[in-house]
Amino acid sequence: YGLVDAPRAWWLRVRADLEQLSWDENVTEPCYWVKRDANRVILAMAVAYVDDFLVAYDVHQPDSVAEFQRLQNL
């Protein structure tokens, strides 16, 4: 850290990691991502602010829990 471009490098890493997990970035709000299943049903949502994340998912749906665990493992 201490580098001028460290925040940008972190942001590019976050975007790349979420893209690799097939999360969809909102076009109008680049800090908001949605994970959908094959039927386009929302499994989870994530919002980033600086270096904090807020993640919402259905704890009763196994696919949603699995997506959250994948996100946690990053």
N, C-alpha and C. Protein backbone atom coordinates (compact mmCIF):
# COMPACT_ATOMS: atom_id res chain seq x y z
N TYR A 1 0.82 -1.19 0.00
CA TYR A 1 0.00 0.00 0.00
C TYR A 1 0.87 1.25 0.00
N GLY A 2 0.24 2.40 0.02
CA GLY A 2 0.99 3.62 -0.08
C GLY A 2 1.20 4.05 -1.52
N LEU A 3 0.81 3.22 -2.46
CA LEU A 3 0.95 3.56 -3.86
C LEU A 3 -0.26 4.38 -4.31
N VAL A 4 -0.02 5.27 -5.23
CA VAL A 4 -1.08 6.13 -5.72
C VAL A 4 -2.20 5.32 -6.37
N ASP A 5 -1.85 4.27 -7.07
CA ASP A 5 -2.85 3.49 -7.79
C ASP A 5 -3.35 2.27 -7.02
N ALA A 6 -3.06 2.16 -5.74
CA ALA A 6 -3.50 1.00 -4.95
C ALA A 6 -5.03 0.86 -4.91
N PRO A 7 -5.80 1.95 -4.69
CA PRO A 7 -7.26 1.79 -4.71
C PRO A 7 -7.79 1.29 -6.05
N ARG A 8 -7.22 1.78 -7.12
CA ARG A 8 -7.64 1.34 -8.46
C ARG A 8 -7.30 -0.13 -8.68
N ALA A 9 -6.13 -0.55 -8.25
CA ALA A 9 -5.73 -1.95 -8.39
C ALA A 9 -6.65 -2.85 -7.58
N TRP A 10 -7.01 -2.41 -6.37
CA TRP A 10 -7.93 -3.20 -5.54
C TRP A 10 -9.29 -3.32 -6.23
N TRP A 11 -9.79 -2.21 -6.77
CA TRP A 11 -11.09 -2.21 -7.43
C TRP A 11 -11.08 -3.13 -8.66
N LEU A 12 -10.03 -3.09 -9.44
CA LEU A 12 -9.94 -3.97 -10.61
C LEU A 12 -9.91 -5.43 -10.19
N ARG A 13 -9.25 -5.72 -9.09
CA ARG A 13 -9.21 -7.09 -8.57
C ARG A 13 -10.60 -7.55 -8.13
N VAL A 14 -11.34 -6.69 -7.43
CA VAL A 14 -12.70 -7.02 -7.00
C VAL A 14 -13.57 -7.31 -8.21
N ARG A 15 -13.52 -6.44 -9.19
CA ARG A 15 -14.34 -6.63 -10.40
C ARG A 15 -13.99 -7.92 -11.12
N ALA A 16 -12.71 -8.21 -11.24
CA ALA A 16 -12.27 -9.43 -11.92
C ALA A 16 -12.71 -10.67 -11.15
N ASP A 17 -12.60 -10.65 -9.84
CA ASP A 17 -13.00 -11.80 -9.03
C ASP A 17 -14.51 -12.05 -9.14
N LEU A 18 -15.30 -11.00 -9.06
CA LEU A 18 -16.75 -11.17 -9.17
C LEU A 18 -17.15 -11.60 -10.58
N GLU A 19 -16.47 -11.07 -11.57
CA GLU A 19 -16.74 -11.49 -12.94
C GLU A 19 -16.41 -12.97 -13.13
N GLN A 20 -15.33 -13.41 -12.53
CA GLN A 20 -14.94 -14.83 -12.62
C GLN A 20 -16.00 -15.73 -11.98
N LEU A 21 -16.68 -15.22 -10.95
CA LEU A 21 -17.75 -15.98 -10.29
C LEU A 21 -19.10 -15.79 -10.98
N SER A 22 -19.11 -15.10 -12.11
CA SER A 22 -20.32 -14.86 -12.92
C SER A 22 -21.34 -13.95 -12.26
N TRP A 23 -20.87 -13.02 -11.48
CA TRP A 23 -21.76 -12.00 -10.93
C TRP A 23 -21.93 -10.92 -11.99
N ASP A 24 -23.13 -10.36 -12.09
CA ASP A 24 -23.43 -9.30 -13.06
C ASP A 24 -23.29 -7.93 -12.40
N GLU A 25 -22.44 -7.10 -12.99
CA GLU A 25 -22.27 -5.74 -12.48
C GLU A 25 -23.37 -4.85 -13.06
N ASN A 26 -23.96 -4.04 -12.23
CA ASN A 26 -24.99 -3.11 -12.66
C ASN A 26 -24.36 -2.05 -13.56
N VAL A 27 -24.98 -1.78 -14.68
CA VAL A 27 -24.43 -0.83 -15.65
C VAL A 27 -24.42 0.59 -15.10
N THR A 28 -25.48 0.98 -14.41
CA THR A 28 -25.59 2.35 -13.93
C THR A 28 -24.99 2.56 -12.54
N GLU A 29 -24.74 1.48 -11.82
CA GLU A 29 -24.15 1.57 -10.48
C GLU A 29 -23.05 0.53 -10.36
N PRO A 30 -21.80 0.89 -10.68
CA PRO A 30 -20.73 -0.10 -10.77
C PRO A 30 -20.32 -0.74 -9.44
N CYS A 31 -20.88 -0.31 -8.33
CA CYS A 31 -20.52 -0.95 -7.06
C CYS A 31 -21.60 -1.94 -6.62
N TYR A 32 -22.52 -2.28 -7.51
CA TYR A 32 -23.64 -3.17 -7.20
C TYR A 32 -23.60 -4.36 -8.14
N TRP A 33 -23.58 -5.57 -7.57
CA TRP A 33 -23.55 -6.80 -8.35
C TRP A 33 -24.69 -7.71 -7.97
N VAL A 34 -25.14 -8.51 -8.93
CA VAL A 34 -26.21 -9.47 -8.71
C VAL A 34 -25.76 -10.82 -9.26
N LYS A 35 -26.05 -11.87 -8.52
CA LYS A 35 -25.79 -13.23 -8.98
C LYS A 35 -27.13 -13.89 -9.25
N ARG A 36 -27.29 -14.38 -10.47
CA ARG A 36 -28.54 -15.02 -10.89
C ARG A 36 -28.29 -16.46 -11.27
N ASP A 37 -29.33 -17.28 -11.16
CA ASP A 37 -29.19 -18.67 -11.59
C ASP A 37 -29.53 -18.78 -13.08
N ALA A 38 -29.59 -20.00 -13.59
CA ALA A 38 -29.84 -20.21 -15.02
C ALA A 38 -31.20 -19.67 -15.47
N ASN A 39 -32.16 -19.61 -14.55
CA ASN A 39 -33.50 -19.09 -14.86
C ASN A 39 -33.61 -17.59 -14.61
N ARG A 40 -32.47 -16.92 -14.35
CA ARG A 40 -32.39 -15.48 -14.10
C ARG A 40 -33.02 -15.07 -12.77
N VAL A 41 -33.20 -16.03 -11.85
CA VAL A 41 -33.69 -15.74 -10.51
C VAL A 41 -32.51 -15.23 -9.69
N ILE A 42 -32.71 -14.17 -8.93
CA ILE A 42 -31.64 -13.59 -8.13
C ILE A 42 -31.30 -14.53 -6.97
N LEU A 43 -30.03 -14.90 -6.89
CA LEU A 43 -29.54 -15.72 -5.79
C LEU A 43 -28.93 -14.88 -4.68
N ALA A 44 -28.24 -13.80 -5.07
CA ALA A 44 -27.58 -12.95 -4.09
C ALA A 44 -27.31 -11.58 -4.71
N MET A 45 -27.12 -10.59 -3.83
CA MET A 45 -26.78 -9.24 -4.26
C MET A 45 -25.63 -8.76 -3.39
N ALA A 46 -24.75 -7.95 -3.97
CA ALA A 46 -23.61 -7.41 -3.23
C ALA A 46 -23.42 -5.95 -3.59
N VAL A 47 -23.09 -5.15 -2.58
CA VAL A 47 -22.80 -3.74 -2.77
C VAL A 47 -21.45 -3.47 -2.12
N ALA A 48 -20.59 -2.74 -2.81
CA ALA A 48 -19.28 -2.38 -2.27
C ALA A 48 -19.22 -0.87 -2.04
N TYR A 49 -18.63 -0.51 -0.92
CA TYR A 49 -18.37 0.90 -0.63
C TYR A 49 -16.97 0.98 -0.04
N VAL A 50 -16.07 1.59 -0.75
CA VAL A 50 -14.66 1.68 -0.41
C VAL A 50 -14.12 0.27 -0.22
N ASP A 51 -13.93 -0.20 1.02
CA ASP A 51 -13.44 -1.56 1.22
C ASP A 51 -14.41 -2.40 2.04
N ASP A 52 -15.68 -1.99 2.09
CA ASP A 52 -16.71 -2.73 2.80
C ASP A 52 -17.70 -3.32 1.80
N PHE A 53 -18.26 -4.48 2.16
CA PHE A 53 -19.26 -5.13 1.32
C PHE A 53 -20.51 -5.42 2.13
N LEU A 54 -21.65 -5.26 1.49
CA LEU A 54 -22.92 -5.67 2.04
C LEU A 54 -23.46 -6.73 1.09
N VAL A 55 -23.71 -7.92 1.61
CA VAL A 55 -24.17 -9.03 0.78
C VAL A 55 -25.51 -9.51 1.32
N ALA A 56 -26.47 -9.69 0.41
CA ALA A 56 -27.78 -10.20 0.77
C ALA A 56 -28.03 -11.48 -0.01
N TYR A 57 -28.51 -12.50 0.70
CA TYR A 57 -28.84 -13.77 0.06
C TYR A 57 -29.86 -14.50 0.92
N ASP A 58 -30.53 -15.48 0.34
CA ASP A 58 -31.55 -16.26 1.04
C ASP A 58 -30.89 -17.44 1.74
N VAL A 59 -30.89 -17.43 3.07
CA VAL A 59 -30.22 -18.49 3.84
C VAL A 59 -30.96 -19.83 3.73
N HIS A 60 -32.17 -19.81 3.22
CA HIS A 60 -32.95 -21.03 3.08
C HIS A 60 -32.83 -21.66 1.70
N GLN A 61 -32.14 -21.01 0.80
CA GLN A 61 -31.97 -21.53 -0.55
C GLN A 61 -30.52 -22.01 -0.71
N PRO A 62 -30.31 -23.31 -0.93
CA PRO A 62 -28.95 -23.86 -1.00
C PRO A 62 -28.06 -23.20 -2.05
N ASP A 63 -28.61 -22.84 -3.20
CA ASP A 63 -27.81 -22.19 -4.24
C ASP A 63 -27.33 -20.81 -3.79
N SER A 64 -28.17 -20.09 -3.06
CA SER A 64 -27.78 -18.77 -2.55
C SER A 64 -26.67 -18.90 -1.52
N VAL A 65 -26.80 -19.87 -0.64
CA VAL A 65 -25.78 -20.09 0.38
C VAL A 65 -24.45 -20.48 -0.27
N ALA A 66 -24.52 -21.31 -1.30
CA ALA A 66 -23.30 -21.74 -2.00
C ALA A 66 -22.61 -20.54 -2.66
N GLU A 67 -23.38 -19.64 -3.26
CA GLU A 67 -22.81 -18.45 -3.88
C GLU A 67 -22.15 -17.55 -2.84
N PHE A 68 -22.79 -17.42 -1.68
CA PHE A 68 -22.21 -16.61 -0.62
C PHE A 68 -20.90 -17.22 -0.14
N GLN A 69 -20.85 -18.53 -0.02
CA GLN A 69 -19.63 -19.19 0.41
C GLN A 69 -18.50 -19.01 -0.61
N ARG A 70 -18.82 -19.07 -1.90
CA ARG A 70 -17.83 -18.82 -2.94
C ARG A 70 -17.27 -17.41 -2.83
N LEU A 71 -18.15 -16.47 -2.55
CA LEU A 71 -17.74 -15.08 -2.40
C LEU A 71 -16.86 -14.92 -1.16
N GLN A 72 -17.22 -15.58 -0.08
CA GLN A 72 -16.42 -15.52 1.14
C GLN A 72 -15.04 -16.12 0.96
N ASN A 73 -14.92 -17.11 0.11
CA ASN A 73 -13.64 -17.80 -0.08
C ASN A 73 -12.64 -16.99 -0.89
N LEU A 74 -13.05 -15.87 -1.44
CA LEU A 74 -12.10 -15.06 -2.22
C LEU A 74 -11.01 -14.50 -1.37
